[in-house]
Amino acid sequence: MSVGKRIKNRVRRAVSIVTDDFEYGRHLVRGNKVSTDMSWTRPELPPVVLVHGFMGTRGTMLPLTRRFQNDGRVVFSYAYGTFNLASIRRSAENLTAHLRTICEELEVDRVDLVGYSMGGLISLHSIKFLQGHRYVRNLVMMGSPLRGTWAGLAGVATVGAFSPSVWQVLPGSPFLEDLLAAPAPATVRMRQIHAASDALCPPPGPIEGVAARDYIMLAGGHSSLVVAEHFYQACRDFLDADPQHASVDPAAETTPVAHDQAKVEYMFDHAAASGLRLVANGEFDHDAAE
């Protein structure tokens, strides 16, 4: 490849990453109040639960939410309070309660869990230490700093006095050492998806429980993971590849199933009994439960 072509490719990749960063920022300012469609046109597949990252909001997960919904999935995301600054252990406890409520209210055995950045650490802690594996079929960790990130030092300098999580993501932290040392539950399929140009959370290599074929590296930056289509495809293909649930033709006509849709609507009326509140788009508001 000529020098000129290599430079052109680098410029193209840089422009793509900057565009993804802008798109991520645009969705970030939406905050936690986003409007989504609660239809469930593929009830043979479980709900998808999305877990955003540090300093993120539900809005940052909106591109993934819309893509999953367009593919017939019902999607839930969790409000962690103000920008997910709490201890990762505390957030994992709340997530586990959230997963249990969804499974009980929708009468499903398990859900598919997708954690972005720190959200992947929260999800992994849930299934390893808090019996979250009882409610999870598949876990996809997207751009998660599984061996830590020195970008956490910026968080220590700014919010470290009141945010335990920024200390927990530093390389070599006791939290990460315990997380990686614990065995992975055999009942949960796991995939890691990373961006080759991720400066915030450099790809850490596969962890125990993740097969070599499920360690995926694609072109892009940290924001690209939840914005760019090819990252979503890598996530969706893994979730749809479960042996018991083969992919369907996306062009095939689908019709919502009234019985399962009624279950979704039922959650709005009864989630409060579990100490959680559903806001307008089927997302739990943890702040309301505290």
Foldseek 3Di string as FASTA:
>chain_A
DDPVVVVVVVVVLVVVQVVLVVVLVVQQVVAADDADDQFAQPVVAAAEEEEEDAQGHVSSLVLLCVVVVLLRHGYAYAGPDGRQQAALQVLLVVVLLVLVLLCVLLVHFAHAYEYAASRLVSPLCNVQPVVSLRHHQEYEYELYQLQAFPLLVVVCVPVVVPGPHSQLRHGPRPNSVVSLVGAGDPRYQYAYEYECAENGRHDDDDGPRHDPVRDHYDHYYRSCCSPPPVNSVSVVCVSQPDPVHHDDDSPDDTDGDVVSSVSLVSCQVPVVVSLWHQPDHSYTYNVSSD
